[in-house]
Amino acid sequence: MTEFPKFFDLISGVRDEIETIIRARLDEALRRLSLVKRDEFEAVQEMATRARMAQDALESRLAALELRVQMLESGVSGAAE
């Protein structure tokens, strides 16, 4: 009867060792793939979203300024004629 618990302890130890080896191999393989962590990805994604929103706002502002310049130039040339 004392053989049974020793057997299960041995099996448990082997299982833990195999699990540790597999985790180490997976970590190594993932490191070689140059993957980024999810929180890093989400941070960069948020930065890109904000940059895109800022770009859209600046494009709208530039279009309004170009229209204003065009109107001022046409008004000035019309008044000079």
C-alpha atoms as a PDB file:
ATOM      1  CA  MET A   1       0.000   0.000   0.000  1.00  0.00           C
ATOM      2  CA  THR A   2       2.881   2.395   0.583  1.00  0.00           C
ATOM      3  CA  GLU A   3       3.933   1.910  -3.042  1.00  0.00           C
ATOM      4  CA  PHE A   4       0.786   3.578  -4.351  1.00  0.00           C
ATOM      5  CA  PRO A   5       1.337   7.064  -2.838  1.00  0.00           C
ATOM      6  CA  LYS A   6       4.993   7.003  -3.901  1.00  0.00           C
ATOM      7  CA  PHE A   7       3.909   6.197  -7.452  1.00  0.00           C
ATOM      8  CA  PHE A   8       1.502   9.136  -7.554  1.00  0.00           C
ATOM      9  CA  ASP A   9       4.156  11.441  -6.073  1.00  0.00           C
ATOM     10  CA  LEU A  10       6.525  10.311  -8.806  1.00  0.00           C
ATOM     11  CA  ILE A  11       3.907  10.862 -11.511  1.00  0.00           C
ATOM     12  CA  SER A  12       3.125  14.313 -10.112  1.00  0.00           C
ATOM     13  CA  GLY A  13       6.804  15.237 -10.070  1.00  0.00           C
ATOM     14  CA  VAL A  14       7.284  14.070 -13.653  1.00  0.00           C
ATOM     15  CA  ARG A  15       4.193  15.987 -14.721  1.00  0.00           C
ATOM     16  CA  ASP A  16       5.513  19.185 -13.093  1.00  0.00           C
ATOM     17  CA  GLU A  17       8.904  18.728 -14.732  1.00  0.00           C
ATOM     18  CA  ILE A  18       7.378  18.168 -18.168  1.00  0.00           C
ATOM     19  CA  GLU A  19       5.152  21.203 -17.721  1.00  0.00           C
ATOM     20  CA  THR A  20       8.168  23.347 -16.796  1.00  0.00           C
ATOM     21  CA  ILE A  21      10.096  22.153 -19.849  1.00  0.00           C
ATOM     22  CA  ILE A  22       7.167  22.797 -22.173  1.00  0.00           C
ATOM     23  CA  ARG A  23       6.642  26.296 -20.769  1.00  0.00           C
ATOM     24  CA  ALA A  24      10.333  27.099 -21.221  1.00  0.00           C
ATOM     25  CA  ARG A  25      10.251  25.882 -24.836  1.00  0.00           C
ATOM     26  CA  LEU A  26       7.092  27.849 -25.598  1.00  0.00           C
ATOM     27  CA  ASP A  27       8.529  31.006 -24.034  1.00  0.00           C
ATOM     28  CA  GLU A  28      11.677  30.582 -26.111  1.00  0.00           C
ATOM     29  CA  ALA A  29       9.687  30.023 -29.313  1.00  0.00           C
ATOM     30  CA  LEU A  30       7.497  33.069 -28.654  1.00  0.00           C
ATOM     31  CA  ARG A  31      10.559  35.225 -27.963  1.00  0.00           C
ATOM     32  CA  ARG A  32      12.031  34.218 -31.316  1.00  0.00           C
ATOM     33  CA  LEU A  33       8.817  35.312 -33.051  1.00  0.00           C
ATOM     34  CA  SER A  34       9.301  38.899 -31.820  1.00  0.00           C
ATOM     35  CA  LEU A  35       5.716  39.182 -30.632  1.00  0.00           C
ATOM     36  CA  VAL A  36       4.541  42.134 -28.594  1.00  0.00           C
ATOM     37  CA  LYS A  37       2.496  41.956 -25.439  1.00  0.00           C
ATOM     38  CA  ARG A  38      -1.179  42.821 -25.658  1.00  0.00           C
ATOM     39  CA  ASP A  39      -0.896  45.877 -23.409  1.00  0.00           C
ATOM     40  CA  GLU A  40       1.946  47.237 -25.570  1.00  0.00           C
ATOM     41  CA  PHE A  41      -0.106  46.626 -28.716  1.00  0.00           C
ATOM     42  CA  GLU A  42      -3.158  48.349 -27.251  1.00  0.00           C
ATOM     43  CA  ALA A  43      -1.058  51.345 -26.174  1.00  0.00           C
ATOM     44  CA  VAL A  44       0.367  51.771 -29.679  1.00  0.00           C
ATOM     45  CA  GLN A  45      -3.070  51.264 -31.184  1.00  0.00           C
ATOM     46  CA  GLU A  46      -4.454  54.032 -28.954  1.00  0.00           C
ATOM     47  CA  MET A  47      -1.593  56.329 -29.978  1.00  0.00           C
ATOM     48  CA  ALA A  48      -2.316  55.633 -33.648  1.00  0.00           C
ATOM     49  CA  THR A  49      -6.018  56.353 -33.144  1.00  0.00           C
ATOM     50  CA  ARG A  50      -5.258  59.668 -31.455  1.00  0.00           C
ATOM     51  CA  ALA A  51      -2.754  60.580 -34.169  1.00  0.00           C
ATOM     52  CA  ARG A  52      -5.350  59.807 -36.851  1.00  0.00           C
ATOM     53  CA  MET A  53      -7.953  61.962 -35.081  1.00  0.00           C
ATOM     54  CA  ALA A  54      -5.462  64.816 -34.791  1.00  0.00           C
ATOM     55  CA  GLN A  55      -4.583  64.463 -38.471  1.00  0.00           C
ATOM     56  CA  ASP A  56      -8.261  64.572 -39.453  1.00  0.00           C
ATOM     57  CA  ALA A  57      -8.774  67.716 -37.356  1.00  0.00           C
ATOM     58  CA  LEU A  58      -5.725  69.379 -38.901  1.00  0.00           C
ATOM     59  CA  GLU A  59      -6.864  68.456 -42.418  1.00  0.00           C
ATOM     60  CA  SER A  60     -10.249  70.079 -41.743  1.00  0.00           C
ATOM     61  CA  ARG A  61      -8.568  73.179 -40.320  1.00  0.00           C
ATOM     62  CA  LEU A  62      -6.236  73.402 -43.322  1.00  0.00           C
ATOM     63  CA  ALA A  63      -9.154  73.079 -45.744  1.00  0.00           C
ATOM     64  CA  ALA A  64     -10.983  75.906 -43.938  1.00  0.00           C
ATOM     65  CA  LEU A  65      -7.879  78.108 -44.005  1.00  0.00           C
ATOM     66  CA  GLU A  66      -7.287  77.400 -47.703  1.00  0.00           C
ATOM     67  CA  LEU A  67     -10.903  78.333 -48.438  1.00  0.00           C
ATOM     68  CA  ARG A  68     -10.504  81.542 -46.436  1.00  0.00           C
ATOM     69  CA  VAL A  69      -7.306  82.446 -48.300  1.00  0.00           C
ATOM     70  CA  GLN A  70      -9.007  81.713 -51.605  1.00  0.00           C
ATOM     71  CA  MET A  71     -11.955  83.929 -50.656  1.00  0.00           C
ATOM     72  CA  LEU A  72      -9.657  86.754 -49.525  1.00  0.00           C
ATOM     73  CA  GLU A  73      -7.586  86.526 -52.691  1.00  0.00           C
ATOM     74  CA  SER A  74     -10.644  86.548 -54.937  1.00  0.00           C
ATOM     75  CA  GLY A  75     -12.085  89.485 -52.965  1.00  0.00           C
ATOM     76  CA  VAL A  76      -8.820  91.435 -53.223  1.00  0.00           C
ATOM     77  CA  SER A  77      -8.388  90.776 -56.956  1.00  0.00           C
ATOM     78  CA  GLY A  78     -12.039  91.646 -57.579  1.00  0.00           C
ATOM     79  CA  ALA A  79     -11.691  94.949 -55.698  1.00  0.00           C
ATOM     80  CA  ALA A  80      -8.516  95.886 -57.564  1.00  0.00           C
ATOM     81  CA  GLU A  81     -10.117  95.442 -61.011  1.00  0.00           C
END
